Amino acid sequence: MNPENKKIFNLIGLATKARNLVSGEFSTEKAVKGHNAALVIVAEDASDNTKKMFTNMCTYYKVPIYFFGEKTELGHAMGKEFRASLAVLDKGMADAIEKQLKMMQ
């Protein structure tokens, strides 16, 4: 795993501990529609359906969305088994993660 990836997973872990993150399809969708999500991350190995749904939703609600990592990696970063989607609720934390994600593109 490259250092940039590790940094992002660490930030996801921090956001989880600080309770500034929700994960799973239902919770992520609720956060976006409730205008609480500052950033959405969907696993690269999520289903095409899931990717399309969140892309459309995030475009509509104007929430930045990134496709990053695998379901197992995202889940592991949060201390769970696997997660296909997550929403970062804290703007500062979302900005820090987004900065790292942009450096990788």
N, C-alpha and C. Protein backbone atom coordinates (compact mmCIF):
# COMPACT_ATOMS: atom_id res chain seq x y z
N MET A 1 0.84 -1.19 0.00
CA MET A 1 0.00 0.00 0.00
C MET A 1 0.88 1.25 0.00
N ASN A 2 0.59 2.18 -0.91
CA ASN A 2 1.43 3.37 -0.96
C ASN A 2 1.10 4.35 0.17
N PRO A 3 2.03 5.24 0.50
CA PRO A 3 1.84 6.14 1.65
C PRO A 3 0.60 7.04 1.56
N GLU A 4 0.26 7.49 0.33
CA GLU A 4 -0.93 8.33 0.18
C GLU A 4 -2.19 7.56 0.59
N ASN A 5 -2.27 6.31 0.11
CA ASN A 5 -3.42 5.48 0.46
C ASN A 5 -3.52 5.29 1.97
N LYS A 6 -2.36 5.01 2.58
CA LYS A 6 -2.32 4.76 4.01
C LYS A 6 -2.83 5.99 4.77
N LYS A 7 -2.42 7.18 4.32
CA LYS A 7 -2.85 8.42 4.94
C LYS A 7 -4.37 8.56 4.90
N ILE A 8 -4.95 8.24 3.74
CA ILE A 8 -6.40 8.35 3.58
C ILE A 8 -7.12 7.36 4.50
N PHE A 9 -6.62 6.12 4.55
CA PHE A 9 -7.24 5.12 5.43
C PHE A 9 -7.11 5.54 6.91
N ASN A 10 -5.97 6.15 7.26
CA ASN A 10 -5.78 6.64 8.63
C ASN A 10 -6.78 7.74 8.96
N LEU A 11 -6.99 8.65 8.01
CA LEU A 11 -7.96 9.73 8.20
C LEU A 11 -9.38 9.18 8.33
N ILE A 12 -9.68 8.14 7.56
CA ILE A 12 -11.00 7.49 7.66
C ILE A 12 -11.16 6.89 9.06
N GLY A 13 -10.08 6.26 9.54
CA GLY A 13 -10.09 5.69 10.88
C GLY A 13 -10.31 6.75 11.95
N LEU A 14 -9.63 7.89 11.80
CA LEU A 14 -9.79 9.01 12.74
C LEU A 14 -11.21 9.54 12.72
N ALA A 15 -11.75 9.72 11.53
CA ALA A 15 -13.13 10.22 11.39
C ALA A 15 -14.12 9.26 12.04
N THR A 16 -13.85 7.95 11.93
CA THR A 16 -14.70 6.94 12.54
C THR A 16 -14.67 7.07 14.06
N LYS A 17 -13.45 7.17 14.61
CA LYS A 17 -13.30 7.30 16.07
C LYS A 17 -13.97 8.56 16.59
N ALA A 18 -13.90 9.63 15.80
CA ALA A 18 -14.49 10.91 16.21
C ALA A 18 -16.00 10.96 15.93
N ARG A 19 -16.52 9.86 15.44
CA ARG A 19 -17.95 9.75 15.08
C ARG A 19 -18.36 10.80 14.04
N ASN A 20 -17.44 11.08 13.12
CA ASN A 20 -17.70 12.03 12.04
C ASN A 20 -17.87 11.31 10.71
N LEU A 21 -18.27 10.05 10.79
CA LEU A 21 -18.35 9.25 9.58
C LEU A 21 -19.48 8.22 9.72
N VAL A 22 -20.24 8.05 8.65
CA VAL A 22 -21.24 6.97 8.63
C VAL A 22 -20.91 6.08 7.45
N SER A 23 -21.24 4.79 7.56
CA SER A 23 -20.90 3.87 6.48
C SER A 23 -22.06 2.94 6.19
N GLY A 24 -21.97 2.31 5.04
CA GLY A 24 -23.06 1.45 4.60
C GLY A 24 -23.99 2.25 3.71
N GLU A 25 -24.63 1.55 2.78
CA GLU A 25 -25.46 2.21 1.77
C GLU A 25 -26.56 3.08 2.38
N PHE A 26 -27.29 2.51 3.33
CA PHE A 26 -28.44 3.22 3.91
C PHE A 26 -28.01 4.49 4.65
N SER A 27 -27.02 4.36 5.53
CA SER A 27 -26.54 5.51 6.32
C SER A 27 -25.91 6.59 5.45
N THR A 28 -25.17 6.16 4.43
CA THR A 28 -24.52 7.11 3.52
C THR A 28 -25.59 7.90 2.77
N GLU A 29 -26.59 7.18 2.27
CA GLU A 29 -27.68 7.82 1.53
C GLU A 29 -28.42 8.82 2.42
N LYS A 30 -28.68 8.42 3.66
CA LYS A 30 -29.38 9.29 4.62
C LYS A 30 -28.58 10.57 4.89
N ALA A 31 -27.26 10.42 5.03
CA ALA A 31 -26.39 11.58 5.29
C ALA A 31 -26.40 12.55 4.12
N VAL A 32 -26.35 12.02 2.90
CA VAL A 32 -26.34 12.87 1.70
C VAL A 32 -27.68 13.60 1.58
N LYS A 33 -28.77 12.86 1.69
CA LYS A 33 -30.10 13.46 1.52
C LYS A 33 -30.46 14.41 2.66
N GLY A 34 -29.84 14.19 3.83
CA GLY A 34 -30.09 15.05 4.97
C GLY A 34 -29.15 16.24 5.01
N HIS A 35 -28.34 16.42 3.97
CA HIS A 35 -27.37 17.52 3.85
C HIS A 35 -26.33 17.49 4.98
N ASN A 36 -25.98 16.30 5.44
CA ASN A 36 -24.97 16.16 6.50
C ASN A 36 -23.63 15.69 5.96
N ALA A 37 -23.62 15.15 4.76
CA ALA A 37 -22.40 14.59 4.19
C ALA A 37 -21.54 15.69 3.57
N ALA A 38 -20.26 15.72 3.94
CA ALA A 38 -19.32 16.69 3.36
C ALA A 38 -18.51 16.04 2.25
N LEU A 39 -18.48 14.70 2.26
CA LEU A 39 -17.71 13.94 1.27
C LEU A 39 -18.21 12.50 1.26
N VAL A 40 -18.30 11.92 0.07
CA VAL A 40 -18.71 10.51 -0.03
C VAL A 40 -17.59 9.74 -0.72
N ILE A 41 -17.28 8.56 -0.17
CA ILE A 41 -16.31 7.67 -0.79
C ILE A 41 -17.01 6.34 -1.07
N VAL A 42 -16.88 5.88 -2.30
CA VAL A 42 -17.45 4.59 -2.69
C VAL A 42 -16.28 3.69 -3.12
N ALA A 43 -16.30 2.46 -2.67
CA ALA A 43 -15.24 1.51 -3.01
C ALA A 43 -15.17 1.28 -4.52
N GLU A 44 -13.95 1.14 -5.03
CA GLU A 44 -13.76 0.91 -6.46
C GLU A 44 -14.36 -0.42 -6.90
N ASP A 45 -14.46 -1.38 -5.97
CA ASP A 45 -15.03 -2.68 -6.33
C ASP A 45 -16.51 -2.79 -5.94
N ALA A 46 -17.16 -1.64 -5.69
CA ALA A 46 -18.60 -1.64 -5.42
C ALA A 46 -19.32 -1.96 -6.74
N SER A 47 -20.57 -2.38 -6.64
CA SER A 47 -21.32 -2.71 -7.86
C SER A 47 -21.55 -1.47 -8.71
N ASP A 48 -21.73 -1.67 -10.01
CA ASP A 48 -21.99 -0.56 -10.92
C ASP A 48 -23.25 0.19 -10.50
N ASN A 49 -24.21 -0.57 -10.02
CA ASN A 49 -25.47 0.01 -9.55
C ASN A 49 -25.24 0.99 -8.40
N THR A 50 -24.44 0.56 -7.42
CA THR A 50 -24.12 1.38 -6.26
C THR A 50 -23.38 2.64 -6.69
N LYS A 51 -22.39 2.47 -7.57
CA LYS A 51 -21.61 3.62 -8.06
C LYS A 51 -22.51 4.63 -8.75
N LYS A 52 -23.40 4.12 -9.62
CA LYS A 52 -24.29 4.99 -10.38
C LYS A 52 -25.25 5.74 -9.44
N MET A 53 -25.82 5.00 -8.48
CA MET A 53 -26.77 5.60 -7.54
C MET A 53 -26.11 6.75 -6.77
N PHE A 54 -24.93 6.49 -6.21
CA PHE A 54 -24.25 7.53 -5.42
C PHE A 54 -23.74 8.68 -6.29
N THR A 55 -23.29 8.37 -7.51
CA THR A 55 -22.84 9.43 -8.42
C THR A 55 -24.00 10.39 -8.71
N ASN A 56 -25.16 9.83 -9.05
CA ASN A 56 -26.34 10.66 -9.33
C ASN A 56 -26.78 11.45 -8.11
N MET A 57 -26.81 10.78 -6.96
CA MET A 57 -27.24 11.41 -5.72
C MET A 57 -26.31 12.55 -5.32
N CYS A 58 -25.01 12.29 -5.39
CA CYS A 58 -24.02 13.30 -4.98
C CYS A 58 -23.99 14.48 -5.96
N THR A 59 -24.24 14.21 -7.23
CA THR A 59 -24.31 15.29 -8.21
C THR A 59 -25.51 16.18 -7.89
N TYR A 60 -26.64 15.55 -7.60
CA TYR A 60 -27.86 16.29 -7.30
C TYR A 60 -27.73 17.13 -6.03
N TYR A 61 -27.15 16.53 -4.99
CA TYR A 61 -27.02 17.23 -3.70
C TYR A 61 -25.71 18.01 -3.58
N LYS A 62 -24.93 18.02 -4.66
CA LYS A 62 -23.66 18.75 -4.72
C LYS A 62 -22.68 18.34 -3.60
N VAL A 63 -22.50 17.04 -3.46
CA VAL A 63 -21.55 16.49 -2.49
C VAL A 63 -20.40 15.87 -3.27
N PRO A 64 -19.14 16.21 -2.94
CA PRO A 64 -18.02 15.59 -3.66
C PRO A 64 -17.99 14.07 -3.44
N ILE A 65 -17.75 13.34 -4.52
CA ILE A 65 -17.71 11.88 -4.44
C ILE A 65 -16.42 11.36 -5.05
N TYR A 66 -15.83 10.35 -4.41
CA TYR A 66 -14.60 9.73 -4.92
C TYR A 66 -14.76 8.23 -4.89
N PHE A 67 -14.12 7.58 -5.87
CA PHE A 67 -14.07 6.12 -5.88
C PHE A 67 -12.66 5.75 -5.45
N PHE A 68 -12.57 5.11 -4.29
CA PHE A 68 -11.26 4.86 -3.70
C PHE A 68 -11.26 3.56 -2.90
N GLY A 69 -10.17 2.82 -3.04
CA GLY A 69 -9.97 1.61 -2.22
C GLY A 69 -10.94 0.50 -2.56
N GLU A 70 -10.78 -0.60 -1.84
CA GLU A 70 -11.67 -1.74 -2.00
C GLU A 70 -12.56 -1.85 -0.78
N LYS A 71 -13.66 -2.58 -0.91
CA LYS A 71 -14.62 -2.70 0.20
C LYS A 71 -13.95 -3.19 1.48
N THR A 72 -13.05 -4.18 1.35
CA THR A 72 -12.38 -4.73 2.53
C THR A 72 -11.47 -3.68 3.18
N GLU A 73 -10.77 -2.88 2.33
CA GLU A 73 -9.85 -1.86 2.85
C GLU A 73 -10.62 -0.76 3.58
N LEU A 74 -11.72 -0.31 2.98
CA LEU A 74 -12.53 0.74 3.62
C LEU A 74 -13.09 0.23 4.95
N GLY A 75 -13.61 -0.99 4.93
CA GLY A 75 -14.16 -1.58 6.15
C GLY A 75 -13.09 -1.71 7.22
N HIS A 76 -11.91 -2.20 6.83
CA HIS A 76 -10.80 -2.38 7.75
C HIS A 76 -10.40 -1.06 8.41
N ALA A 77 -10.38 0.02 7.61
CA ALA A 77 -10.01 1.35 8.13
C ALA A 77 -10.97 1.81 9.22
N MET A 78 -12.22 1.30 9.15
CA MET A 78 -13.24 1.68 10.13
C MET A 78 -13.41 0.64 11.23
N GLY A 79 -12.62 -0.41 11.16
CA GLY A 79 -12.74 -1.47 12.17
C GLY A 79 -13.96 -2.34 11.92
N LYS A 80 -14.41 -2.41 10.68
CA LYS A 80 -15.56 -3.25 10.33
C LYS A 80 -15.08 -4.27 9.29
N GLU A 81 -16.01 -5.14 8.85
CA GLU A 81 -15.60 -6.14 7.87
C GLU A 81 -15.40 -5.53 6.49
N PHE A 82 -16.47 -5.14 5.85
CA PHE A 82 -16.30 -4.43 4.58
C PHE A 82 -17.43 -3.43 4.37
N ARG A 83 -17.09 -2.35 3.73
CA ARG A 83 -18.04 -1.28 3.46
C ARG A 83 -17.85 -0.80 2.02
N ALA A 84 -18.95 -0.69 1.27
CA ALA A 84 -18.87 -0.23 -0.12
C ALA A 84 -18.97 1.29 -0.19
N SER A 85 -19.58 1.90 0.85
CA SER A 85 -19.74 3.36 0.80
C SER A 85 -19.65 3.96 2.20
N LEU A 86 -19.20 5.22 2.22
CA LEU A 86 -19.14 5.95 3.48
C LEU A 86 -19.30 7.44 3.22
N ALA A 87 -19.79 8.15 4.23
CA ALA A 87 -19.92 9.60 4.13
C ALA A 87 -19.19 10.23 5.31
N VAL A 88 -18.36 11.22 5.02
CA VAL A 88 -17.66 11.97 6.06
C VAL A 88 -18.55 13.17 6.41
N LEU A 89 -18.86 13.33 7.69
CA LEU A 89 -19.79 14.36 8.12
C LEU A 89 -19.11 15.68 8.49
N ASP A 90 -17.86 15.60 8.91
CA ASP A 90 -17.14 16.79 9.36
C ASP A 90 -16.44 17.46 8.18
N LYS A 91 -16.71 18.75 7.97
CA LYS A 91 -16.16 19.48 6.82
C LYS A 91 -14.62 19.49 6.84
N GLY A 92 -14.03 19.78 7.99
CA GLY A 92 -12.57 19.82 8.11
C GLY A 92 -11.93 18.49 7.77
N MET A 93 -12.50 17.43 8.30
CA MET A 93 -12.00 16.08 8.05
C MET A 93 -12.19 15.72 6.58
N ALA A 94 -13.34 16.10 6.02
CA ALA A 94 -13.62 15.83 4.60
C ALA A 94 -12.61 16.55 3.71
N ASP A 95 -12.28 17.79 4.06
CA ASP A 95 -11.30 18.57 3.28
C ASP A 95 -9.93 17.91 3.32
N ALA A 96 -9.54 17.41 4.51
CA ALA A 96 -8.23 16.76 4.66
C ALA A 96 -8.16 15.49 3.80
N ILE A 97 -9.24 14.71 3.81
CA ILE A 97 -9.28 13.46 3.02
C ILE A 97 -9.29 13.81 1.53
N GLU A 98 -10.10 14.81 1.16
CA GLU A 98 -10.21 15.19 -0.25
C GLU A 98 -8.87 15.69 -0.80
N LYS A 99 -8.13 16.40 0.03
CA LYS A 99 -6.81 16.90 -0.36
C LYS A 99 -5.90 15.73 -0.72
N GLN A 100 -5.91 14.69 0.12
CA GLN A 100 -5.10 13.49 -0.13
C GLN A 100 -5.56 12.78 -1.40
N LEU A 101 -6.88 12.68 -1.58
CA LEU A 101 -7.43 12.00 -2.76
C LEU A 101 -7.03 12.73 -4.04
N LYS A 102 -7.05 14.04 -4.01
CA LYS A 102 -6.70 14.84 -5.19
C LYS A 102 -5.23 14.68 -5.54
N MET A 103 -4.37 14.49 -4.55
CA MET A 103 -2.95 14.31 -4.79
C MET A 103 -2.67 13.00 -5.54
N MET A 104 -3.58 12.06 -5.45
CA MET A 104 -3.40 10.76 -6.09
C MET A 104 -3.86 10.74 -7.54
N GLN A 105 -4.68 11.69 -7.92
CA GLN A 105 -5.26 11.67 -9.27
C GLN A 105 -4.28 12.07 -10.34
